[in-house]
Amino acid sequence: MEYNIPYSRFHYIKTYFHKLILHITNEMKSLKTEILINHTNKFTKMKNLVFTLLLMLCVSSIYSQWTSNYGFSYGDINFTNAKGNAVTTDAEGNCYVTGYSYEAGSEKDIVTIKYTSTGDTVWARSYNGTSNQNDEGNGICVDGNGNVYVVGTAQYSGKSFDVVILQYSSEGTLIWDKQYSSTQSNLIDKGLAIAVDLNGSIYITGFTTNTDSYRDIFVSKYNSAGLEWTAALEDGSSNLNSEGLSIAVSSTGGIYVAGYVTTSEANTDIAVMKYNESGNQEWMNTIPGPGYGEDKAWGIVVDAEDNCYITGYKTVGANNTDCYTAKFNSYGNLIWEADFNGGGNQIDKAWGIVVDTDGSVYITGETADTYLNTNYITIKYSISGAESWRNEYNGTGSGEDIASALGILGSNSVVVTGKS
């Protein structure tokens, strides 16, 4: 079930949609604006749209250019909680975000938003599985024609969680939705990442729960006719829980997946793997952290030379993780790696990564200070892996600020999304 935001059953909604734009000037100035949202081919002026925690932040060098924050926790439509999980951009500089919002009567629904390069909202769409339970968008990409693809998880009547893929036109019309599950049983399957190649084929990864009750990494390819193939499920040498958390496809047809495999009941290692165009695995690397605990890669990208870059985190000690970023060539050989330990020496985790045409790499995530206050962290690395700059973003409150993903907007600018 797909619908526009706001709901059509509200005829004269007065809610407030605040947008904060931070300009790069000699002194940073902020302003609030009213946004026009296309709703059933009519533009409805929105005030007070309550979409509190979905934040867009544009960063150039180390300064914010604009921030878009969906509203407050009051109003006619009370979105008391929302989160942006993934962001991408197109050749025209438009930004696309997916995640979830809480809706009255249907729990969490997948939400997808298109912004212009200056932060104005073009459209916002929501998708609700048939069981009116918890649905979430986890990955997003755009093809050369401006079609938008979202992968996530949705609950359907009579089943548990299934993988869901959505295709929207550039105008925000839902073209199709597809579901995937490796079994017909009532088990949990989630789509966590998506990529599109130059021919318009779609690749997704995530996990599917097998009959042994453990999670396995799956990789699937879709063309315009539907599912083309699903690669052999991967669960590591220990045959325990494994998840594909991010995916990228190169111009030569290589499919790269990053995530984790479980080596013991309380220990996971970063996993990176490459598949060919037919879905056959060419290589797989596992990367353990120095401590005993959770090591996961949450982001992967490829450059024009078929090098792949991953980011995530490693456990270095009790209640202490560091951001981890690495570069591999197309044969799986490590080129460079970099760690980031924040000033608080606490929890530092990277969730998203992009690579620029000059080989610069940007990551984003979270960093905690000594008082366990969590802020956005965005870091730029040079082509050789040296840190160029870093920037923290602290929201107006004293709660959690966590960046989920980022995309490139022109030269030396990135857009970041998360919750604040």
Protein backbone atom coordinates (compact mmCIF):
# COMPACT_ATOMS: atom_id res chain seq x y z
CA MET A 1 0.00 0.00 0.00
CA GLU A 2 1.49 3.33 -1.09
CA TYR A 3 0.31 6.82 -0.31
CA ASN A 4 1.53 10.38 -0.40
CA ILE A 5 2.42 12.35 2.67
CA PRO A 6 0.23 13.85 4.01
CA TYR A 7 -2.68 11.36 4.06
CA SER A 8 -5.51 12.19 1.66
CA ARG A 9 -8.04 11.81 4.47
CA PHE A 10 -6.79 15.05 6.01
CA HIS A 11 -8.38 17.85 3.99
CA TYR A 12 -7.01 20.96 5.55
CA ILE A 13 -3.97 19.99 7.48
CA LYS A 14 -2.14 22.68 9.34
CA THR A 15 1.18 21.29 10.44
CA TYR A 16 4.59 22.81 10.50
CA PHE A 17 7.44 21.80 8.27
CA HIS A 18 10.61 23.50 9.42
CA LYS A 19 13.62 23.70 7.25
CA LEU A 20 16.88 25.09 8.54
CA ILE A 21 19.40 26.25 6.00
CA LEU A 22 22.92 26.99 7.12
CA HIS A 23 24.76 29.21 4.65
CA ILE A 24 28.51 29.41 4.34
CA THR A 25 29.18 33.09 5.00
CA ASN A 26 31.50 34.98 7.26
CA GLU A 27 29.08 34.10 10.02
CA MET A 28 26.64 31.19 9.85
CA LYS A 29 23.02 32.32 9.58
CA SER A 30 19.89 30.19 9.89
CA LEU A 31 16.43 30.68 8.51
CA LYS A 32 13.11 28.87 8.53
CA THR A 33 11.00 28.44 5.42
CA GLU A 34 7.62 27.07 4.39
CA ILE A 35 7.75 24.18 1.91
CA LEU A 36 5.30 23.28 -0.85
CA ILE A 37 4.59 19.56 -1.12
CA ASN A 38 2.92 18.08 -4.20
CA HIS A 39 -0.21 16.30 -2.98
CA THR A 40 -2.56 14.72 -5.55
CA ASN A 41 -1.40 17.22 -8.19
CA LYS A 42 -2.16 20.18 -5.93
CA PHE A 43 0.35 22.11 -3.92
CA THR A 44 -0.66 22.28 -0.29
CA LYS A 45 1.14 24.69 1.96
CA MET A 46 2.39 22.76 4.94
CA LYS A 47 2.97 24.19 8.37
CA ASN A 48 4.03 22.13 11.37
CA LEU A 49 4.57 18.76 9.60
CA VAL A 50 5.63 16.53 12.45
CA PHE A 51 8.41 14.40 11.16
CA THR A 52 10.81 15.04 13.98
CA LEU A 53 13.88 12.97 13.56
CA LEU A 54 14.60 12.82 9.84
CA LEU A 55 17.47 15.21 9.30
CA MET A 56 19.27 16.24 6.12
CA LEU A 57 22.62 17.97 6.46
CA CYS A 58 24.75 19.23 3.59
CA VAL A 59 28.46 19.53 4.28
CA SER A 60 31.05 21.31 2.13
CA SER A 61 34.63 21.09 3.33
CA ILE A 62 33.86 21.29 7.06
CA TYR A 63 30.82 23.59 7.06
CA SER A 64 27.08 22.94 6.82
CA GLN A 65 25.32 24.45 3.77
CA TRP A 66 21.76 23.44 4.61
CA THR A 67 19.83 21.27 7.01
CA SER A 68 16.32 19.92 6.51
CA ASN A 69 14.60 18.60 9.63
CA TYR A 70 11.07 17.25 9.44
CA GLY A 71 9.25 19.18 12.11
CA PHE A 72 8.35 18.71 15.71
CA SER A 73 6.46 16.25 17.92
CA TYR A 74 3.14 18.09 17.78
CA GLY A 75 0.54 18.82 15.11
CA ASP A 76 -2.38 17.23 13.32
CA ILE A 77 -0.32 14.27 12.07
CA ASN A 78 1.81 13.21 14.99
CA PHE A 79 4.93 11.53 13.61
CA THR A 80 6.49 11.05 17.03
CA ASN A 81 9.50 9.26 15.59
CA ALA A 82 11.18 9.00 12.22
CA LYS A 83 14.60 8.10 10.90
CA GLY A 84 16.51 8.39 7.64
CA ASN A 85 18.42 5.18 6.95
CA ALA A 86 19.87 5.79 3.49
CA VAL A 87 20.54 8.65 1.11
CA THR A 88 21.64 8.97 -2.51
CA THR A 89 21.93 11.69 -5.15
CA ASP A 90 21.47 11.95 -8.90
CA ALA A 91 23.38 13.74 -11.67
CA GLU A 92 21.29 16.88 -11.21
CA GLY A 93 22.13 17.15 -7.52
CA ASN A 94 18.75 16.00 -6.21
CA CYS A 95 18.86 14.09 -2.92
CA TYR A 96 16.78 11.02 -2.07
CA VAL A 97 16.24 9.65 1.44
CA THR A 98 14.50 6.54 2.73
CA GLY A 99 13.81 5.27 6.22
CA TYR A 100 10.67 5.08 8.31
CA SER A 101 8.09 7.13 10.15
CA TYR A 102 5.57 6.10 12.78
CA GLU A 103 2.01 6.38 11.48
CA ALA A 104 -1.23 6.22 13.46
CA GLY A 105 -2.76 2.77 13.03
CA SER A 106 0.09 1.24 11.02
CA GLU A 107 3.19 1.46 13.23
CA LYS A 108 6.35 2.09 11.17
CA ASP A 109 5.93 2.77 7.44
CA ILE A 110 8.60 3.10 4.76
CA VAL A 111 9.09 6.76 3.89
CA THR A 112 10.92 8.06 0.80
CA ILE A 113 11.65 11.75 0.13
CA LYS A 114 13.10 13.62 -2.84
CA TYR A 115 14.87 16.95 -2.25
CA THR A 116 16.31 19.46 -4.70
CA SER A 117 20.00 20.35 -4.50
CA THR A 118 19.09 23.34 -2.32
CA GLY A 119 17.08 21.27 0.16
CA ASP A 120 13.52 21.96 -1.05
CA THR A 121 11.17 18.97 -0.83
CA VAL A 122 9.95 17.74 -4.24
CA TRP A 123 7.82 14.84 -2.98
CA ALA A 124 7.42 12.51 -0.02
CA ARG A 125 5.90 9.03 -0.22
CA SER A 126 5.03 6.35 2.32
CA TYR A 127 4.54 2.58 1.93
CA ASN A 128 2.65 0.32 4.31
CA GLY A 129 2.71 -3.50 4.22
CA THR A 130 -0.65 -5.24 4.33
CA SER A 131 -0.39 -6.23 7.99
CA ASN A 132 -0.10 -2.59 9.16
CA GLN A 133 2.92 -3.41 11.27
CA ASN A 134 6.59 -2.42 11.10
CA ASP A 135 7.96 -1.54 7.65
CA GLU A 136 11.30 0.14 7.02
CA GLY A 137 13.31 1.42 4.06
CA ASN A 138 16.99 0.52 4.35
CA GLY A 139 18.57 1.24 0.97
CA ILE A 140 17.97 3.58 -1.98
CA CYS A 141 19.40 4.18 -5.45
CA VAL A 142 18.51 6.07 -8.65
CA ASP A 143 18.99 4.98 -12.27
CA GLY A 144 19.92 7.11 -15.28
CA ASN A 145 16.27 7.86 -16.05
CA GLY A 146 15.54 9.23 -12.59
CA ASN A 147 13.65 6.17 -11.36
CA VAL A 148 14.07 5.63 -7.63
CA TYR A 149 14.50 2.17 -6.09
CA VAL A 150 14.08 1.39 -2.41
CA VAL A 151 14.80 -1.87 -0.60
CA GLY A 152 13.70 -2.67 2.90
CA THR A 153 11.45 -4.91 4.89
CA ALA A 154 7.69 -5.05 5.23
CA GLN A 155 5.17 -7.17 7.08
CA TYR A 156 2.42 -8.81 5.06
CA SER A 157 -0.72 -10.54 6.28
CA GLY A 158 -0.05 -14.12 7.35
CA LYS A 159 3.75 -13.76 7.22
CA SER A 160 6.60 -12.29 9.21
CA PHE A 161 9.07 -9.81 7.67
CA ASP A 162 9.77 -10.11 3.93
CA VAL A 163 12.21 -8.26 1.72
CA VAL A 164 10.43 -5.53 -0.25
CA ILE A 165 11.64 -3.59 -3.31
CA LEU A 166 9.88 -0.42 -4.50
CA GLN A 167 10.28 1.46 -7.77
CA TYR A 168 9.15 5.09 -8.01
CA SER A 169 9.17 7.31 -11.08
CA SER A 170 11.08 10.59 -10.95
CA GLU A 171 7.74 12.25 -10.13
CA GLY A 172 7.17 9.96 -7.14
CA THR A 173 4.62 7.56 -8.66
CA LEU A 174 4.92 3.99 -7.35
CA ILE A 175 5.56 1.85 -10.46
CA TRP A 176 5.83 -1.55 -8.78
CA ASP A 177 6.60 -3.30 -5.52
CA LYS A 178 8.09 -6.79 -5.22
CA GLN A 179 8.60 -9.13 -2.28
CA TYR A 180 11.32 -11.72 -1.71
CA SER A 181 11.70 -14.60 0.75
CA SER A 182 13.96 -17.64 0.44
CA THR A 183 11.41 -19.83 2.20
CA GLN A 184 7.64 -19.85 2.50
CA SER A 185 7.82 -20.21 6.27
CA ASN A 186 7.05 -17.49 8.78
CA LEU A 187 10.67 -16.37 9.22
CA ILE A 188 12.39 -12.98 9.10
CA ASP A 189 13.93 -11.80 5.80
CA LYS A 190 15.24 -8.27 5.37
CA GLY A 191 16.57 -6.25 2.44
CA LEU A 192 19.31 -3.96 3.69
CA ALA A 193 21.04 -2.49 0.62
CA ILE A 194 20.44 -1.89 -3.09
CA ALA A 195 22.43 -0.86 -6.17
CA VAL A 196 21.67 -0.30 -9.87
CA ASP A 197 24.01 -0.87 -12.85
CA LEU A 198 24.32 1.05 -16.11
CA ASN A 199 21.78 -1.25 -17.78
CA GLY A 200 19.13 -0.64 -15.14
CA SER A 201 19.47 -4.02 -13.42
CA ILE A 202 18.91 -3.96 -9.66
CA TYR A 203 21.04 -5.78 -7.06
CA ILE A 204 20.00 -6.25 -3.45
CA THR A 205 21.47 -7.85 -0.36
CA GLY A 206 20.47 -8.43 3.23
CA PHE A 207 19.70 -11.62 5.07
CA THR A 208 17.25 -14.46 4.92
CA THR A 209 16.50 -16.75 7.84
CA ASN A 210 17.16 -20.37 6.92
CA THR A 211 15.40 -23.45 8.25
CA ASP A 212 18.22 -23.84 10.83
CA SER A 213 17.03 -20.48 12.29
CA TYR A 214 20.33 -18.76 11.43
CA ARG A 215 20.61 -15.76 9.14
CA ASP A 216 22.39 -16.11 5.78
CA ILE A 217 23.63 -13.42 3.40
CA PHE A 218 21.71 -13.35 0.13
CA VAL A 219 22.48 -11.46 -3.09
CA SER A 220 19.83 -11.13 -5.81
CA LYS A 221 19.66 -9.54 -9.24
CA TYR A 222 16.47 -8.14 -10.79
CA ASN A 223 15.91 -6.94 -14.35
CA SER A 224 12.83 -5.35 -15.90
CA ALA A 225 11.19 -8.79 -16.10
CA GLY A 226 11.73 -9.63 -12.44
CA LEU A 227 14.12 -11.84 -10.45
CA GLU A 228 17.05 -13.03 -12.60
CA TRP A 229 19.14 -14.91 -10.04
CA THR A 230 19.89 -15.32 -6.35
CA ALA A 231 23.46 -16.28 -5.47
CA ALA A 232 24.25 -19.17 -3.14
CA LEU A 233 23.56 -18.17 0.45
CA GLU A 234 26.64 -17.25 2.50
CA ASP A 235 26.97 -17.87 6.24
CA GLY A 236 30.75 -18.04 6.80
CA SER A 237 32.86 -20.95 7.97
CA SER A 238 31.02 -21.26 11.29
CA ASN A 239 27.54 -21.48 9.69
CA LEU A 240 26.16 -18.92 12.13
CA ASN A 241 24.38 -15.60 11.63
CA SER A 242 25.61 -13.53 8.67
CA GLU A 243 24.20 -10.42 7.01
CA GLY A 244 24.91 -8.48 3.84
CA LEU A 245 24.70 -4.85 4.94
CA SER A 246 25.78 -2.98 1.81
CA ILE A 247 26.20 -3.58 -1.92
CA ALA A 248 27.82 -1.88 -4.90
CA VAL A 249 28.21 -2.76 -8.59
CA SER A 250 31.10 -1.68 -10.81
CA SER A 251 31.03 -0.56 -14.45
CA THR A 252 32.58 -3.91 -15.42
CA GLY A 253 29.77 -5.90 -13.77
CA GLY A 254 31.49 -6.84 -10.50
CA ILE A 255 29.11 -7.04 -7.54
CA TYR A 256 30.62 -6.19 -4.15
CA VAL A 257 28.96 -6.93 -0.81
CA ALA A 258 30.04 -6.00 2.72
CA GLY A 259 28.62 -7.10 6.05
CA TYR A 260 29.60 -9.59 8.68
CA VAL A 261 29.86 -13.26 9.54
CA THR A 262 29.61 -14.72 13.03
CA THR A 263 32.61 -16.72 14.20
CA SER A 264 31.23 -17.62 17.63
CA GLU A 265 28.04 -16.83 19.51
CA ALA A 266 29.45 -13.51 20.79
CA ASN A 267 31.94 -12.54 18.07
CA THR A 268 31.47 -11.25 14.51
CA ASP A 269 34.02 -10.34 11.82
CA ILE A 270 33.74 -7.91 8.93
CA ALA A 271 33.07 -9.72 5.64
CA VAL A 272 33.74 -8.39 2.11
CA MET A 273 32.99 -10.42 -1.02
CA LYS A 274 32.82 -10.07 -4.79
CA TYR A 275 30.44 -11.79 -7.24
CA ASN A 276 30.52 -11.88 -11.04
CA GLU A 277 27.64 -11.03 -13.37
CA SER A 278 26.24 -14.55 -13.09
CA GLY A 279 26.13 -14.52 -9.29
CA ASN A 280 29.23 -16.67 -8.69
CA GLN A 281 31.42 -15.63 -5.76
CA GLU A 282 34.97 -14.71 -6.86
CA TRP A 283 36.51 -13.95 -3.45
CA MET A 284 35.69 -13.27 0.18
CA ASN A 285 37.73 -11.57 2.92
CA THR A 286 37.01 -11.57 6.65
CA ILE A 287 38.54 -8.90 8.91
CA PRO A 288 38.63 -9.45 12.69
CA GLY A 289 38.94 -6.58 15.13
CA PRO A 290 41.53 -6.39 17.92
CA GLY A 291 38.89 -6.97 20.60
CA TYR A 292 36.38 -9.72 21.18
CA GLY A 293 32.96 -8.59 20.08
CA GLU A 294 31.17 -7.02 17.14
CA ASP A 295 33.00 -6.09 13.92
CA LYS A 296 30.75 -5.07 11.01
CA ALA A 297 31.01 -3.25 7.66
CA TRP A 298 27.95 -1.12 6.95
CA GLY A 299 28.99 0.68 3.77
CA ILE A 300 30.66 -0.23 0.47
CA VAL A 301 31.36 1.70 -2.76
CA VAL A 302 33.43 1.11 -5.91
CA ASP A 303 35.38 3.55 -8.07
CA ALA A 304 35.99 3.70 -11.82
CA GLU A 305 39.01 1.38 -11.51
CA ASP A 306 37.04 -1.38 -9.76
CA ASN A 307 38.57 -0.71 -6.36
CA CYS A 308 36.12 -1.14 -3.48
CA TYR A 309 35.96 0.79 -0.22
CA ILE A 310 34.25 -0.30 2.97
CA THR A 311 33.44 1.36 6.26
CA GLY A 312 32.02 0.19 9.57
CA TYR A 313 33.54 -0.42 12.95
CA LYS A 314 35.72 -2.77 15.00
CA THR A 315 35.56 -3.62 18.68
CA VAL A 316 38.77 -2.55 20.44
CA GLY A 317 37.70 -3.09 24.04
CA ALA A 318 34.79 -3.18 26.45
CA ASN A 319 32.20 -0.56 25.37
CA ASN A 320 34.73 0.79 22.88
CA THR A 321 34.50 0.63 19.09
CA ASP A 322 36.42 2.54 16.42
CA CYS A 323 35.33 3.52 12.93
CA TYR A 324 37.08 1.37 10.33
CA THR A 325 37.59 2.20 6.63
CA ALA A 326 39.54 0.19 4.05
CA LYS A 327 40.29 0.06 0.32
CA PHE A 328 40.65 -3.18 -1.70
CA ASN A 329 41.50 -3.72 -5.34
CA SER A 330 39.32 -5.82 -7.66
CA TYR A 331 41.21 -8.99 -6.63
CA GLY A 332 40.50 -8.49 -2.93
CA ASN A 333 43.97 -7.23 -1.95
CA LEU A 334 44.08 -4.61 0.84
CA ILE A 335 45.40 -1.22 -0.38
CA TRP A 336 44.98 0.88 2.78
CA GLU A 337 42.98 0.97 6.01
CA ALA A 338 42.20 3.71 8.52
CA ASP A 339 40.75 3.78 12.03
CA PHE A 340 39.04 6.65 13.85
CA ASN A 341 38.89 6.88 17.63
CA GLY A 342 36.91 9.89 18.88
CA GLY A 343 38.02 12.16 21.68
CA GLY A 344 35.78 10.38 24.16
CA ASN A 345 37.45 7.01 23.52
CA GLN A 346 33.97 5.49 23.56
CA ILE A 347 31.61 4.23 20.84
CA ASP A 348 32.58 5.38 17.33
CA LYS A 349 30.76 3.76 14.42
CA ALA A 350 30.66 4.51 10.69
CA TRP A 351 27.46 3.76 8.79
CA GLY A 352 27.89 5.26 5.32
CA ILE A 353 30.58 5.83 2.68
CA VAL A 354 30.98 7.49 -0.73
CA VAL A 355 33.94 7.93 -3.09
CA ASP A 356 34.49 11.01 -5.27
CA THR A 357 35.83 11.04 -8.84
CA ASP A 358 39.23 12.17 -7.56
CA GLY A 359 39.50 9.15 -5.25
CA SER A 360 38.59 11.04 -2.09
CA VAL A 361 36.54 9.00 0.37
CA TYR A 362 33.90 10.31 2.77
CA ILE A 363 32.43 8.38 5.69
CA THR A 364 29.75 9.30 8.20
CA GLY A 365 28.44 7.83 11.42
CA GLU A 366 28.47 8.57 15.13
CA THR A 367 30.98 9.46 17.82
CA ALA A 368 30.46 9.58 21.60
CA ASP A 369 32.22 11.90 24.02
CA THR A 370 33.30 11.06 27.57
CA TYR A 371 29.75 11.85 28.78
CA LEU A 372 28.32 9.42 26.17
CA ASN A 373 26.68 12.25 24.20
CA THR A 374 26.51 11.04 20.60
CA ASN A 375 27.10 13.35 17.61
CA TYR A 376 27.32 13.01 13.84
CA ILE A 377 30.86 12.41 12.60
CA THR A 378 31.84 12.94 8.95
CA ILE A 379 35.41 12.33 7.76
CA LYS A 380 37.15 12.87 4.43
CA TYR A 381 40.12 10.68 3.42
CA SER A 382 42.50 11.34 0.55
CA ILE A 383 43.16 8.87 -2.26
CA SER A 384 46.01 7.42 -0.17
CA GLY A 385 43.88 7.02 2.97
CA ALA A 386 45.16 10.08 4.87
CA GLU A 387 42.56 12.04 6.81
CA SER A 388 41.80 15.38 5.10
CA TRP A 389 39.22 16.73 7.56
CA ARG A 390 36.53 15.73 10.01
CA ASN A 391 33.34 17.44 11.14
CA GLU A 392 30.98 16.79 14.05
CA TYR A 393 27.34 17.85 14.15
CA ASN A 394 25.59 18.28 17.50
CA GLY A 395 21.82 18.73 17.43
CA THR A 396 20.03 21.36 19.46
CA GLY A 397 19.05 18.85 22.14
CA SER A 398 21.22 16.68 24.36
CA GLY A 399 20.12 13.32 22.97
CA GLU A 400 21.41 11.02 20.25
CA ASP A 401 22.62 12.45 16.94
CA ILE A 402 23.43 9.58 14.57
CA ALA A 403 24.25 9.94 10.87
CA SER A 404 23.13 6.97 8.78
CA ALA A 405 24.28 7.67 5.22
CA LEU A 406 25.67 10.28 2.84
CA GLY A 407 25.90 11.20 -0.83
CA ILE A 408 28.04 13.49 -2.99
CA LEU A 409 26.72 16.84 -4.22
CA GLY A 410 29.17 18.23 -6.77
CA SER A 411 32.81 18.87 -5.99
CA ASN A 412 33.85 18.62 -2.33
CA SER A 413 30.28 18.61 -0.99
CA VAL A 414 28.38 15.78 0.65
CA VAL A 415 24.85 15.45 2.01
CA VAL A 416 24.32 13.51 5.23
CA THR A 417 21.14 12.00 6.67
CA GLY A 418 20.28 10.42 10.00
CA LYS A 419 18.42 11.25 13.17
CA SER A 420 18.92 14.15 15.54
